[in-house]
Amino acid sequence: IINAQKNLAIFFIVYILFFIAGLIQVCYSLRNSFNKLEDSVIA
């Protein structure tokens, strides 16, 4: 059961890391798009 839990924990950690990386990528894309739109509107 410990081996199974270790594998599950590793899977959970890897999943969270990928999810956070994806979330950061989405937020970064949104941020860049918002900033470009903001710069255009200010101009």
PDB file of all heavy atoms in Angstrom:
ATOM      1  N   ILE A   1       0.823  -1.214   0.000  1.00  0.00           N
ATOM      2  CA  ILE A   1       0.000   0.000   0.000  1.00  0.00           C
ATOM      3  C   ILE A   1       0.857   1.263   0.000  1.00  0.00           C
ATOM      4  O   ILE A   1       0.520   2.277  -0.611  1.00  0.00           O
ATOM      5  CB  ILE A   1      -0.979  -0.002   1.200  1.00  0.00           C
ATOM      6  CG1 ILE A   1      -2.005   1.127   1.016  1.00  0.00           C
ATOM      7  CG2 ILE A   1      -0.267   0.154   2.525  1.00  0.00           C
ATOM      8  CD1 ILE A   1      -3.114   1.074   2.019  1.00  0.00           C
ATOM      9  N   ILE A   2       2.030   1.172   0.691  1.00  0.00           N
ATOM     10  CA  ILE A   2       2.926   2.333   0.696  1.00  0.00           C
ATOM     11  C   ILE A   2       3.466   2.595  -0.701  1.00  0.00           C
ATOM     12  O   ILE A   2       3.546   3.734  -1.160  1.00  0.00           O
ATOM     13  CB  ILE A   2       4.073   2.117   1.697  1.00  0.00           C
ATOM     14  CG1 ILE A   2       3.539   2.240   3.128  1.00  0.00           C
ATOM     15  CG2 ILE A   2       5.200   3.129   1.473  1.00  0.00           C
ATOM     16  CD1 ILE A   2       4.563   1.924   4.191  1.00  0.00           C
ATOM     17  N   ASN A   3       3.826   1.540  -1.414  1.00  0.00           N
ATOM     18  CA  ASN A   3       4.299   1.710  -2.790  1.00  0.00           C
ATOM     19  C   ASN A   3       3.232   2.349  -3.666  1.00  0.00           C
ATOM     20  O   ASN A   3       3.513   3.232  -4.471  1.00  0.00           O
ATOM     21  CB  ASN A   3       4.725   0.363  -3.369  1.00  0.00           C
ATOM     22  CG  ASN A   3       6.010  -0.154  -2.739  1.00  0.00           C
ATOM     23  OD1 ASN A   3       6.825   0.635  -2.258  1.00  0.00           O
ATOM     24  ND2 ASN A   3       6.201  -1.472  -2.737  1.00  0.00           N
ATOM     25  N   ALA A   4       2.002   1.877  -3.474  1.00  0.00           N
ATOM     26  CA  ALA A   4       0.899   2.453  -4.250  1.00  0.00           C
ATOM     27  C   ALA A   4       0.707   3.927  -3.895  1.00  0.00           C
ATOM     28  O   ALA A   4       0.479   4.774  -4.768  1.00  0.00           O
ATOM     29  CB  ALA A   4      -0.385   1.668  -3.994  1.00  0.00           C
ATOM     30  N   GLN A   5       0.820   4.224  -2.585  1.00  0.00           N
ATOM     31  CA  GLN A   5       0.653   5.614  -2.157  1.00  0.00           C
ATOM     32  C   GLN A   5       1.784   6.493  -2.658  1.00  0.00           C
ATOM     33  O   GLN A   5       1.574   7.652  -3.022  1.00  0.00           O
ATOM     34  CB  GLN A   5       0.556   5.665  -0.632  1.00  0.00           C
ATOM     35  CG  GLN A   5      -0.739   5.074  -0.091  1.00  0.00           C
ATOM     36  CD  GLN A   5      -0.705   4.889   1.416  1.00  0.00           C
ATOM     37  OE1 GLN A   5       0.304   5.131   2.059  1.00  0.00           O
ATOM     38  NE2 GLN A   5      -1.823   4.446   1.973  1.00  0.00           N
ATOM     39  N   LYS A   6       2.994   5.951  -2.687  1.00  0.00           N
ATOM     40  CA  LYS A   6       4.115   6.718  -3.227  1.00  0.00           C
ATOM     41  C   LYS A   6       3.884   7.042  -4.697  1.00  0.00           C
ATOM     42  O   LYS A   6       4.109   8.170  -5.152  1.00  0.00           O
ATOM     43  CB  LYS A   6       5.410   5.933  -3.061  1.00  0.00           C
ATOM     44  CG  LYS A   6       5.939   5.888  -1.637  1.00  0.00           C
ATOM     45  CD  LYS A   6       7.249   5.106  -1.582  1.00  0.00           C
ATOM     46  CE  LYS A   6       7.812   5.078  -0.161  1.00  0.00           C
ATOM     47  NZ  LYS A   6       9.064   4.295  -0.080  1.00  0.00           N
ATOM     48  N   ASN A   7       3.461   6.029  -5.446  1.00  0.00           N
ATOM     49  CA  ASN A   7       3.184   6.263  -6.870  1.00  0.00           C
ATOM     50  C   ASN A   7       2.075   7.288  -7.052  1.00  0.00           C
ATOM     51  O   ASN A   7       2.142   8.153  -7.938  1.00  0.00           O
ATOM     52  CB  ASN A   7       2.812   4.950  -7.554  1.00  0.00           C
ATOM     53  CG  ASN A   7       3.973   3.982  -7.606  1.00  0.00           C
ATOM     54  OD1 ASN A   7       5.138   4.392  -7.590  1.00  0.00           O
ATOM     55  ND2 ASN A   7       3.674   2.677  -7.648  1.00  0.00           N
ATOM     56  N   LEU A   8       1.049   7.171  -6.193  1.00  0.00           N
ATOM     57  CA  LEU A   8      -0.057   8.124  -6.273  1.00  0.00           C
ATOM     58  C   LEU A   8       0.423   9.533  -5.930  1.00  0.00           C
ATOM     59  O   LEU A   8       0.028  10.510  -6.583  1.00  0.00           O
ATOM     60  CB  LEU A   8      -1.181   7.701  -5.320  1.00  0.00           C
ATOM     61  CG  LEU A   8      -2.439   8.595  -5.309  1.00  0.00           C
ATOM     62  CD1 LEU A   8      -3.082   8.593  -6.691  1.00  0.00           C
ATOM     63  CD2 LEU A   8      -3.423   8.116  -4.250  1.00  0.00           C
ATOM     64  N   ALA A   9       1.274   9.639  -4.893  1.00  0.00           N
ATOM     65  CA  ALA A   9       1.798  10.948  -4.504  1.00  0.00           C
ATOM     66  C   ALA A   9       2.645  11.552  -5.623  1.00  0.00           C
ATOM     67  O   ALA A   9       2.549  12.753  -5.915  1.00  0.00           O
ATOM     68  CB  ALA A   9       2.617  10.824  -3.218  1.00  0.00           C
ATOM     69  N   ILE A  10       3.490  10.718  -6.245  1.00  0.00           N
ATOM     70  CA  ILE A  10       4.313  11.209  -7.353  1.00  0.00           C
ATOM     71  C   ILE A  10       3.428  11.692  -8.500  1.00  0.00           C
ATOM     72  O   ILE A  10       3.654  12.765  -9.077  1.00  0.00           O
ATOM     73  CB  ILE A  10       5.279  10.114  -7.833  1.00  0.00           C
ATOM     74  CG1 ILE A  10       6.314   9.807  -6.741  1.00  0.00           C
ATOM     75  CG2 ILE A  10       5.969  10.520  -9.134  1.00  0.00           C
ATOM     76  CD1 ILE A  10       7.195   8.613  -7.047  1.00  0.00           C
ATOM     77  N   PHE A  11       2.402  10.881  -8.812  1.00  0.00           N
ATOM     78  CA  PHE A  11       1.480  11.291  -9.873  1.00  0.00           C
ATOM     79  C   PHE A  11       0.786  12.604  -9.518  1.00  0.00           C
ATOM     80  O   PHE A  11       0.652  13.501 -10.362  1.00  0.00           O
ATOM     81  CB  PHE A  11       0.441  10.188 -10.091  1.00  0.00           C
ATOM     82  CG  PHE A  11      -0.660  10.585 -11.036  1.00  0.00           C
ATOM     83  CD1 PHE A  11      -0.463  10.561 -12.412  1.00  0.00           C
ATOM     84  CD2 PHE A  11      -1.901  10.989 -10.557  1.00  0.00           C
ATOM     85  CE1 PHE A  11      -1.471  10.936 -13.279  1.00  0.00           C
ATOM     86  CE2 PHE A  11      -2.910  11.381 -11.419  1.00  0.00           C
ATOM     87  CZ  PHE A  11      -2.695  11.342 -12.785  1.00  0.00           C
ATOM     88  N   PHE A  12       0.358  12.733  -8.258  1.00  0.00           N
ATOM     89  CA  PHE A  12      -0.334  13.944  -7.812  1.00  0.00           C
ATOM     90  C   PHE A  12       0.583  15.158  -7.921  1.00  0.00           C
ATOM     91  O   PHE A  12       0.175  16.215  -8.415  1.00  0.00           O
ATOM     92  CB  PHE A  12      -0.802  13.757  -6.361  1.00  0.00           C
ATOM     93  CG  PHE A  12      -1.529  14.936  -5.803  1.00  0.00           C
ATOM     94  CD1 PHE A  12      -2.843  15.197  -6.152  1.00  0.00           C
ATOM     95  CD2 PHE A  12      -0.888  15.799  -4.914  1.00  0.00           C
ATOM     96  CE1 PHE A  12      -3.511  16.287  -5.629  1.00  0.00           C
ATOM     97  CE2 PHE A  12      -1.558  16.887  -4.390  1.00  0.00           C
ATOM     98  CZ  PHE A  12      -2.866  17.129  -4.746  1.00  0.00           C
ATOM     99  N   ILE A  13       1.845  15.009  -7.485  1.00  0.00           N
ATOM    100  CA  ILE A  13       2.790  16.125  -7.534  1.00  0.00           C
ATOM    101  C   ILE A  13       3.080  16.527  -8.982  1.00  0.00           C
ATOM    102  O   ILE A  13       3.084  17.713  -9.331  1.00  0.00           O
ATOM    103  CB  ILE A  13       4.087  15.753  -6.802  1.00  0.00           C
ATOM    104  CG1 ILE A  13       3.820  15.619  -5.293  1.00  0.00           C
ATOM    105  CG2 ILE A  13       5.165  16.799  -7.048  1.00  0.00           C
ATOM    106  CD1 ILE A  13       4.999  15.066  -4.521  1.00  0.00           C
ATOM    107  N   VAL A  14       3.333  15.523  -9.830  1.00  0.00           N
ATOM    108  CA  VAL A  14       3.605  15.818 -11.243  1.00  0.00           C
ATOM    109  C   VAL A  14       2.397  16.498 -11.895  1.00  0.00           C
ATOM    110  O   VAL A  14       2.540  17.480 -12.648  1.00  0.00           O
ATOM    111  CB  VAL A  14       3.979  14.526 -12.002  1.00  0.00           C
ATOM    112  CG1 VAL A  14       4.061  14.780 -13.510  1.00  0.00           C
ATOM    113  CG2 VAL A  14       5.301  13.982 -11.485  1.00  0.00           C
ATOM    114  N   TYR A  15       1.205  15.983 -11.567  1.00  0.00           N
ATOM    115  CA  TYR A  15      -0.012  16.583 -12.120  1.00  0.00           C
ATOM    116  C   TYR A  15      -0.151  18.043 -11.687  1.00  0.00           C
ATOM    117  O   TYR A  15      -0.453  18.927 -12.502  1.00  0.00           O
ATOM    118  CB  TYR A  15      -1.230  15.776 -11.659  1.00  0.00           C
ATOM    119  CG  TYR A  15      -2.552  16.455 -11.946  1.00  0.00           C
ATOM    120  CD1 TYR A  15      -3.102  16.454 -13.223  1.00  0.00           C
ATOM    121  CD2 TYR A  15      -3.240  17.125 -10.930  1.00  0.00           C
ATOM    122  CE1 TYR A  15      -4.292  17.094 -13.485  1.00  0.00           C
ATOM    123  CE2 TYR A  15      -4.439  17.760 -11.176  1.00  0.00           C
ATOM    124  CZ  TYR A  15      -4.965  17.750 -12.456  1.00  0.00           C
ATOM    125  OH  TYR A  15      -6.148  18.388 -12.702  1.00  0.00           O
ATOM    126  N   ILE A  16       0.091  18.307 -10.382  1.00  0.00           N
ATOM    127  CA  ILE A  16      -0.025  19.670  -9.869  1.00  0.00           C
ATOM    128  C   ILE A  16       0.998  20.575 -10.531  1.00  0.00           C
ATOM    129  O   ILE A  16       0.700  21.717 -10.914  1.00  0.00           O
ATOM    130  CB  ILE A  16       0.140  19.686  -8.334  1.00  0.00           C
ATOM    131  CG1 ILE A  16      -1.058  19.002  -7.667  1.00  0.00           C
ATOM    132  CG2 ILE A  16       0.266  21.120  -7.818  1.00  0.00           C
ATOM    133  CD1 ILE A  16      -2.397  19.650  -7.948  1.00  0.00           C
ATOM    134  N   LEU A  17       2.238  20.074 -10.701  1.00  0.00           N
ATOM    135  CA  LEU A  17       3.266  20.885 -11.340  1.00  0.00           C
ATOM    136  C   LEU A  17       2.893  21.226 -12.776  1.00  0.00           C
ATOM    137  O   LEU A  17       3.048  22.377 -13.212  1.00  0.00           O
ATOM    138  CB  LEU A  17       4.613  20.149 -11.303  1.00  0.00           C
ATOM    139  CG  LEU A  17       5.260  19.991  -9.920  1.00  0.00           C
ATOM    140  CD1 LEU A  17       6.541  19.164 -10.033  1.00  0.00           C
ATOM    141  CD2 LEU A  17       5.566  21.350  -9.313  1.00  0.00           C
ATOM    142  N   PHE A  18       2.416  20.230 -13.514  1.00  0.00           N
ATOM    143  CA  PHE A  18       1.985  20.496 -14.885  1.00  0.00           C
ATOM    144  C   PHE A  18       0.805  21.458 -14.908  1.00  0.00           C
ATOM    145  O   PHE A  18       0.728  22.350 -15.764  1.00  0.00           O
ATOM    146  CB  PHE A  18       1.620  19.185 -15.593  1.00  0.00           C
ATOM    147  CG  PHE A  18       2.782  18.509 -16.250  1.00  0.00           C
ATOM    148  CD1 PHE A  18       3.398  17.411 -15.670  1.00  0.00           C
ATOM    149  CD2 PHE A  18       3.281  18.980 -17.454  1.00  0.00           C
ATOM    150  CE1 PHE A  18       4.478  16.789 -16.265  1.00  0.00           C
ATOM    151  CE2 PHE A  18       4.357  18.368 -18.077  1.00  0.00           C
ATOM    152  CZ  PHE A  18       4.963  17.270 -17.473  1.00  0.00           C
ATOM    153  N   PHE A  19      -0.120  21.272 -13.963  1.00  0.00           N
ATOM    154  CA  PHE A  19      -1.299  22.137 -13.918  1.00  0.00           C
ATOM    155  C   PHE A  19      -0.895  23.579 -13.603  1.00  0.00           C
ATOM    156  O   PHE A  19      -1.387  24.526 -14.241  1.00  0.00           O
ATOM    157  CB  PHE A  19      -2.281  21.628 -12.861  1.00  0.00           C
ATOM    158  CG  PHE A  19      -3.616  22.316 -12.903  1.00  0.00           C
ATOM    159  CD1 PHE A  19      -4.604  21.906 -13.771  1.00  0.00           C
ATOM    160  CD2 PHE A  19      -3.871  23.396 -12.078  1.00  0.00           C
ATOM    161  CE1 PHE A  19      -5.821  22.541 -13.821  1.00  0.00           C
ATOM    162  CE2 PHE A  19      -5.091  24.040 -12.112  1.00  0.00           C
ATOM    163  CZ  PHE A  19      -6.073  23.615 -12.990  1.00  0.00           C
ATOM    164  N   ILE A  20       0.011  23.749 -12.619  1.00  0.00           N
ATOM    165  CA  ILE A  20       0.469  25.092 -12.277  1.00  0.00           C
ATOM    166  C   ILE A  20       1.210  25.724 -13.449  1.00  0.00           C
ATOM    167  O   ILE A  20       1.030  26.904 -13.758  1.00  0.00           O
ATOM    168  CB  ILE A  20       1.364  25.043 -11.017  1.00  0.00           C
ATOM    169  CG1 ILE A  20       0.529  24.672  -9.788  1.00  0.00           C
ATOM    170  CG2 ILE A  20       2.062  26.380 -10.789  1.00  0.00           C
ATOM    171  CD1 ILE A  20       1.345  24.503  -8.519  1.00  0.00           C
ATOM    172  N   ALA A  21       2.048  24.913 -14.117  1.00  0.00           N
ATOM    173  CA  ALA A  21       2.768  25.430 -15.285  1.00  0.00           C
ATOM    174  C   ALA A  21       1.790  25.870 -16.377  1.00  0.00           C
ATOM    175  O   ALA A  21       1.958  26.936 -16.990  1.00  0.00           O
ATOM    176  CB  ALA A  21       3.723  24.363 -15.824  1.00  0.00           C
ATOM    177  N   GLY A  22       0.757  25.049 -16.595  1.00  0.00           N
ATOM    178  CA  GLY A  22      -0.261  25.427 -17.581  1.00  0.00           C
ATOM    179  C   GLY A  22      -1.008  26.678 -17.176  1.00  0.00           C
ATOM    180  O   GLY A  22      -1.292  27.559 -18.005  1.00  0.00           O
ATOM    181  N   LEU A  23      -1.332  26.778 -15.877  1.00  0.00           N
ATOM    182  CA  LEU A  23      -2.047  27.955 -15.379  1.00  0.00           C
ATOM    183  C   LEU A  23      -1.197  29.207 -15.540  1.00  0.00           C
ATOM    184  O   LEU A  23      -1.696  30.257 -15.964  1.00  0.00           O
ATOM    185  CB  LEU A  23      -2.421  27.753 -13.906  1.00  0.00           C
ATOM    186  CG  LEU A  23      -3.176  28.904 -13.230  1.00  0.00           C
ATOM    187  CD1 LEU A  23      -4.537  29.095 -13.891  1.00  0.00           C
ATOM    188  CD2 LEU A  23      -3.349  28.640 -11.742  1.00  0.00           C
ATOM    189  N   ILE A  24       0.104  29.083 -15.213  1.00  0.00           N
ATOM    190  CA  ILE A  24       0.997  30.231 -15.373  1.00  0.00           C
ATOM    191  C   ILE A  24       1.095  30.640 -16.840  1.00  0.00           C
ATOM    192  O   ILE A  24       1.097  31.831 -17.172  1.00  0.00           O
ATOM    193  CB  ILE A  24       2.389  29.896 -14.803  1.00  0.00           C
ATOM    194  CG1 ILE A  24       2.304  29.736 -13.272  1.00  0.00           C
ATOM    195  CG2 ILE A  24       3.400  30.970 -15.176  1.00  0.00           C
ATOM    196  CD1 ILE A  24       3.602  29.274 -12.642  1.00  0.00           C
ATOM    197  N   GLN A  25       1.144  29.650 -17.733  1.00  0.00           N
ATOM    198  CA  GLN A  25       1.211  29.948 -19.163  1.00  0.00           C
ATOM    199  C   GLN A  25      -0.044  30.680 -19.626  1.00  0.00           C
ATOM    200  O   GLN A  25       0.028  31.666 -20.370  1.00  0.00           O
ATOM    201  CB  GLN A  25       1.403  28.645 -19.958  1.00  0.00           C
ATOM    202  CG  GLN A  25       1.404  28.828 -21.473  1.00  0.00           C
ATOM    203  CD  GLN A  25       2.539  29.700 -21.954  1.00  0.00           C
ATOM    204  OE1 GLN A  25       3.598  29.725 -21.350  1.00  0.00           O
ATOM    205  NE2 GLN A  25       2.320  30.423 -23.048  1.00  0.00           N
ATOM    206  N   VAL A  26      -1.208  30.210 -19.166  1.00  0.00           N
ATOM    207  CA  VAL A  26      -2.468  30.862 -19.539  1.00  0.00           C
ATOM    208  C   VAL A  26      -2.509  32.289 -18.995  1.00  0.00           C
ATOM    209  O   VAL A  26      -2.877  33.244 -19.699  1.00  0.00           O
ATOM    210  CB  VAL A  26      -3.671  30.044 -19.019  1.00  0.00           C
ATOM    211  CG1 VAL A  26      -4.963  30.819 -19.204  1.00  0.00           C
ATOM    212  CG2 VAL A  26      -3.754  28.705 -19.756  1.00  0.00           C
ATOM    213  N   CYS A  27      -2.117  32.430 -17.717  1.00  0.00           N
ATOM    214  CA  CYS A  27      -2.114  33.760 -17.103  1.00  0.00           C
ATOM    215  C   CYS A  27      -1.130  34.682 -17.820  1.00  0.00           C
ATOM    216  O   CYS A  27      -1.415  35.872 -18.018  1.00  0.00           O
ATOM    217  CB  CYS A  27      -1.765  33.658 -15.618  1.00  0.00           C
ATOM    218  SG  CYS A  27      -3.030  32.866 -14.606  1.00  0.00           S
ATOM    219  N   TYR A  28       0.027  34.131 -18.212  1.00  0.00           N
ATOM    220  CA  TYR A  28       1.021  34.934 -18.919  1.00  0.00           C
ATOM    221  C   TYR A  28       0.466  35.404 -20.271  1.00  0.00           C
ATOM    222  O   TYR A  28       0.640  36.568 -20.650  1.00  0.00           O
ATOM    223  CB  TYR A  28       2.287  34.112 -19.122  1.00  0.00           C
ATOM    224  CG  TYR A  28       3.395  34.836 -19.840  1.00  0.00           C
ATOM    225  CD1 TYR A  28       4.170  35.787 -19.188  1.00  0.00           C
ATOM    226  CD2 TYR A  28       3.653  34.573 -21.183  1.00  0.00           C
ATOM    227  CE1 TYR A  28       5.182  36.457 -19.852  1.00  0.00           C
ATOM    228  CE2 TYR A  28       4.665  35.243 -21.857  1.00  0.00           C
ATOM    229  CZ  TYR A  28       5.429  36.183 -21.184  1.00  0.00           C
ATOM    230  OH  TYR A  28       6.421  36.851 -21.850  1.00  0.00           O
ATOM    231  N   SER A  29      -0.208  34.504 -20.972  1.00  0.00           N
ATOM    232  CA  SER A  29      -0.797  34.875 -22.263  1.00  0.00           C
ATOM    233  C   SER A  29      -1.880  35.930 -22.084  1.00  0.00           C
ATOM    234  O   SER A  29      -1.947  36.917 -22.834  1.00  0.00           O
ATOM    235  CB  SER A  29      -1.381  33.633 -22.950  1.00  0.00           C
ATOM    236  OG  SER A  29      -0.380  32.662 -23.194  1.00  0.00           O
ATOM    237  N   LEU A  30      -2.737  35.714 -21.064  1.00  0.00           N
ATOM    238  CA  LEU A  30      -3.778  36.709 -20.788  1.00  0.00           C
ATOM    239  C   LEU A  30      -3.162  38.053 -20.422  1.00  0.00           C
ATOM    240  O   LEU A  30      -3.623  39.109 -20.874  1.00  0.00           O
ATOM    241  CB  LEU A  30      -4.684  36.216 -19.656  1.00  0.00           C
ATOM    242  CG  LEU A  30      -5.727  35.160 -20.018  1.00  0.00           C
ATOM    243  CD1 LEU A  30      -6.408  34.649 -18.765  1.00  0.00           C
ATOM    244  CD2 LEU A  30      -6.767  35.732 -20.977  1.00  0.00           C
ATOM    245  N   ARG A  31      -2.124  37.998 -19.599  1.00  0.00           N
ATOM    246  CA  ARG A  31      -1.478  39.240 -19.165  1.00  0.00           C
ATOM    247  C   ARG A  31      -0.913  39.997 -20.363  1.00  0.00           C
ATOM    248  O   ARG A  31      -1.093  41.222 -20.490  1.00  0.00           O
ATOM    249  CB  ARG A  31      -0.368  38.912 -18.174  1.00  0.00           C
ATOM    250  CG  ARG A  31       0.466  40.103 -17.743  1.00  0.00           C
ATOM    251  CD  ARG A  31       1.560  39.668 -16.778  1.00  0.00           C
ATOM    252  NE  ARG A  31       2.438  40.774 -16.439  1.00  0.00           N
ATOM    253  CZ  ARG A  31       3.488  41.153 -17.156  1.00  0.00           C
ATOM    254  NH1 ARG A  31       3.771  40.495 -18.273  1.00  0.00           N
ATOM    255  NH2 ARG A  31       4.241  42.171 -16.780  1.00  0.00           N
ATOM    256  N   ASN A  32      -0.210  39.286 -21.254  1.00  0.00           N
ATOM    257  CA  ASN A  32       0.350  39.951 -22.427  1.00  0.00           C
ATOM    258  C   ASN A  32      -0.742  40.538 -23.309  1.00  0.00           C
ATOM    259  O   ASN A  32      -0.617  41.658 -23.813  1.00  0.00           O
ATOM    260  CB  ASN A  32       1.198  38.956 -23.231  1.00  0.00           C
ATOM    261  CG  ASN A  32       2.550  38.708 -22.584  1.00  0.00           C
ATOM    262  OD1 ASN A  32       2.960  39.442 -21.692  1.00  0.00           O
ATOM    263  ND2 ASN A  32       3.230  37.672 -23.019  1.00  0.00           N
ATOM    264  N   SER A  33      -1.827  39.768 -23.485  1.00  0.00           N
ATOM    265  CA  SER A  33      -2.926  40.259 -24.323  1.00  0.00           C
ATOM    266  C   SER A  33      -3.575  41.482 -23.687  1.00  0.00           C
ATOM    267  O   SER A  33      -3.874  42.466 -24.372  1.00  0.00           O
ATOM    268  CB  SER A  33      -3.961  39.143 -24.517  1.00  0.00           C
ATOM    269  OG  SER A  33      -3.393  38.035 -25.191  1.00  0.00           O
ATOM    270  N   PHE A  34      -3.792  41.418 -22.379  1.00  0.00           N
ATOM    271  CA  PHE A  34      -4.372  42.566 -21.674  1.00  0.00           C
ATOM    272  C   PHE A  34      -3.464  43.788 -21.784  1.00  0.00           C
ATOM    273  O   PHE A  34      -3.930  44.908 -22.014  1.00  0.00           O
ATOM    274  CB  PHE A  34      -4.612  42.219 -20.204  1.00  0.00           C
ATOM    275  CG  PHE A  34      -5.990  41.710 -19.920  1.00  0.00           C
ATOM    276  CD1 PHE A  34      -6.188  40.405 -19.509  1.00  0.00           C
ATOM    277  CD2 PHE A  34      -7.103  42.531 -20.052  1.00  0.00           C
ATOM    278  CE1 PHE A  34      -7.460  39.915 -19.249  1.00  0.00           C
ATOM    279  CE2 PHE A  34      -8.365  42.055 -19.793  1.00  0.00           C
ATOM    280  CZ  PHE A  34      -8.561  40.748 -19.388  1.00  0.00           C
ATOM    281  N   ASN A  35      -2.150  43.583 -21.595  1.00  0.00           N
ATOM    282  CA  ASN A  35      -1.208  44.698 -21.645  1.00  0.00           C
ATOM    283  C   ASN A  35      -1.167  45.336 -23.031  1.00  0.00           C
ATOM    284  O   ASN A  35      -1.118  46.568 -23.159  1.00  0.00           O
ATOM    285  CB  ASN A  35       0.191  44.231 -21.246  1.00  0.00           C
ATOM    286  CG  ASN A  35       0.301  43.953 -19.760  1.00  0.00           C
ATOM    287  OD1 ASN A  35      -0.558  44.382 -18.983  1.00  0.00           O
ATOM    288  ND2 ASN A  35       1.326  43.242 -19.350  1.00  0.00           N
ATOM    289  N   LYS A  36      -1.172  44.502 -24.071  1.00  0.00           N
ATOM    290  CA  LYS A  36      -1.181  45.044 -25.435  1.00  0.00           C
ATOM    291  C   LYS A  36      -2.458  45.834 -25.686  1.00  0.00           C
ATOM    292  O   LYS A  36      -2.428  46.932 -26.266  1.00  0.00           O
ATOM    293  CB  LYS A  36      -1.056  43.907 -26.452  1.00  0.00           C
ATOM    294  CG  LYS A  36       0.325  43.264 -26.497  1.00  0.00           C
ATOM    295  CD  LYS A  36       0.377  42.151 -27.540  1.00  0.00           C
ATOM    296  CE  LYS A  36       1.756  41.502 -27.578  1.00  0.00           C
ATOM    297  NZ  LYS A  36       1.816  40.401 -28.570  1.00  0.00           N
ATOM    298  N   LEU A  37      -3.593  45.260 -25.233  1.00  0.00           N
ATOM    299  CA  LEU A  37      -4.863  45.960 -25.413  1.00  0.00           C
ATOM    300  C   LEU A  37      -4.870  47.259 -24.624  1.00  0.00           C
ATOM    301  O   LEU A  37      -5.335  48.299 -25.111  1.00  0.00           O
ATOM    302  CB  LEU A  37      -6.018  45.050 -24.970  1.00  0.00           C
ATOM    303  CG  LEU A  37      -7.433  45.623 -25.123  1.00  0.00           C
ATOM    304  CD1 LEU A  37      -7.715  45.966 -26.577  1.00  0.00           C
ATOM    305  CD2 LEU A  37      -8.461  44.613 -24.614  1.00  0.00           C
ATOM    306  N   GLU A  38      -4.326  47.214 -23.407  1.00  0.00           N
ATOM    307  CA  GLU A  38      -4.279  48.415 -22.573  1.00  0.00           C
ATOM    308  C   GLU A  38      -3.422  49.489 -23.223  1.00  0.00           C
ATOM    309  O   GLU A  38      -3.804  50.668 -23.259  1.00  0.00           O
ATOM    310  CB  GLU A  38      -3.734  48.064 -21.184  1.00  0.00           C
ATOM    311  CG  GLU A  38      -3.661  49.255 -20.244  1.00  0.00           C
ATOM    312  CD  GLU A  38      -2.988  48.914 -18.932  1.00  0.00           C
ATOM    313  OE1 GLU A  38      -2.021  48.136 -18.949  1.00  0.00           O
ATOM    314  OE2 GLU A  38      -3.423  49.433 -17.896  1.00  0.00           O
ATOM    315  N   ASP A  39      -2.253  49.107 -23.733  1.00  0.00           N
ATOM    316  CA  ASP A  39      -1.371  50.077 -24.393  1.00  0.00           C
ATOM    317  C   ASP A  39      -2.075  50.715 -25.595  1.00  0.00           C
ATOM    318  O   ASP A  39      -1.951  51.932 -25.825  1.00  0.00           O
ATOM    319  CB  ASP A  39      -0.081  49.393 -24.841  1.00  0.00           C
ATOM    320  CG  ASP A  39       0.773  48.934 -23.663  1.00  0.00           C
ATOM    321  OD1 ASP A  39       0.568  49.469 -22.554  1.00  0.00           O
ATOM    322  OD2 ASP A  39       1.614  48.031 -23.846  1.00  0.00           O
ATOM    323  N   SER A  40      -2.805  49.893 -26.343  1.00  0.00           N
ATOM    324  CA  SER A  40      -3.517  50.425 -27.516  1.00  0.00           C
ATOM    325  C   SER A  40      -4.609  51.394 -27.088  1.00  0.00           C
ATOM    326  O   SER A  40      -4.770  52.474 -27.674  1.00  0.00           O
ATOM    327  CB  SER A  40      -4.115  49.277 -28.336  1.00  0.00           C
ATOM    328  OG  SER A  40      -3.112  48.397 -28.813  1.00  0.00           O
ATOM    329  N   VAL A  41      -5.368  51.025 -26.055  1.00  0.00           N
ATOM    330  CA  VAL A  41      -6.459  51.891 -25.586  1.00  0.00           C
ATOM    331  C   VAL A  41      -5.904  53.198 -25.030  1.00  0.00           C
ATOM    332  O   VAL A  41      -6.467  54.275 -25.256  1.00  0.00           O
ATOM    333  CB  VAL A  41      -7.299  51.158 -24.514  1.00  0.00           C
ATOM    334  CG1 VAL A  41      -8.294  52.106 -23.871  1.00  0.00           C
ATOM    335  CG2 VAL A  41      -8.043  49.984 -25.141  1.00  0.00           C
ATOM    336  N   ILE A  42      -4.780  53.127 -24.293  1.00  0.00           N
ATOM    337  CA  ILE A  42      -4.158  54.349 -23.761  1.00  0.00           C
ATOM    338  C   ILE A  42      -3.703  55.253 -24.905  1.00  0.00           C
ATOM    339  O   ILE A  42      -3.871  56.481 -24.853  1.00  0.00           O
ATOM    340  CB  ILE A  42      -2.981  53.984 -22.843  1.00  0.00           C
ATOM    341  CG1 ILE A  42      -3.501  53.346 -21.549  1.00  0.00           C
ATOM    342  CG2 ILE A  42      -2.156  55.220 -22.512  1.00  0.00           C
ATOM    343  CD1 ILE A  42      -2.407  52.848 -20.632  1.00  0.00           C
ATOM    344  N   ALA A  43      -3.121  54.643 -25.952  1.00  0.00           N
ATOM    345  CA  ALA A  43      -2.692  55.430 -27.108  1.00  0.00           C
ATOM    346  C   ALA A  43      -3.885  56.119 -27.771  1.00  0.00           C
ATOM    347  O   ALA A  43      -3.805  57.297 -28.152  1.00  0.00           O
ATOM    348  CB  ALA A  43      -1.961  54.533 -28.112  1.00  0.00           C
TER     349      ALA A  43
END
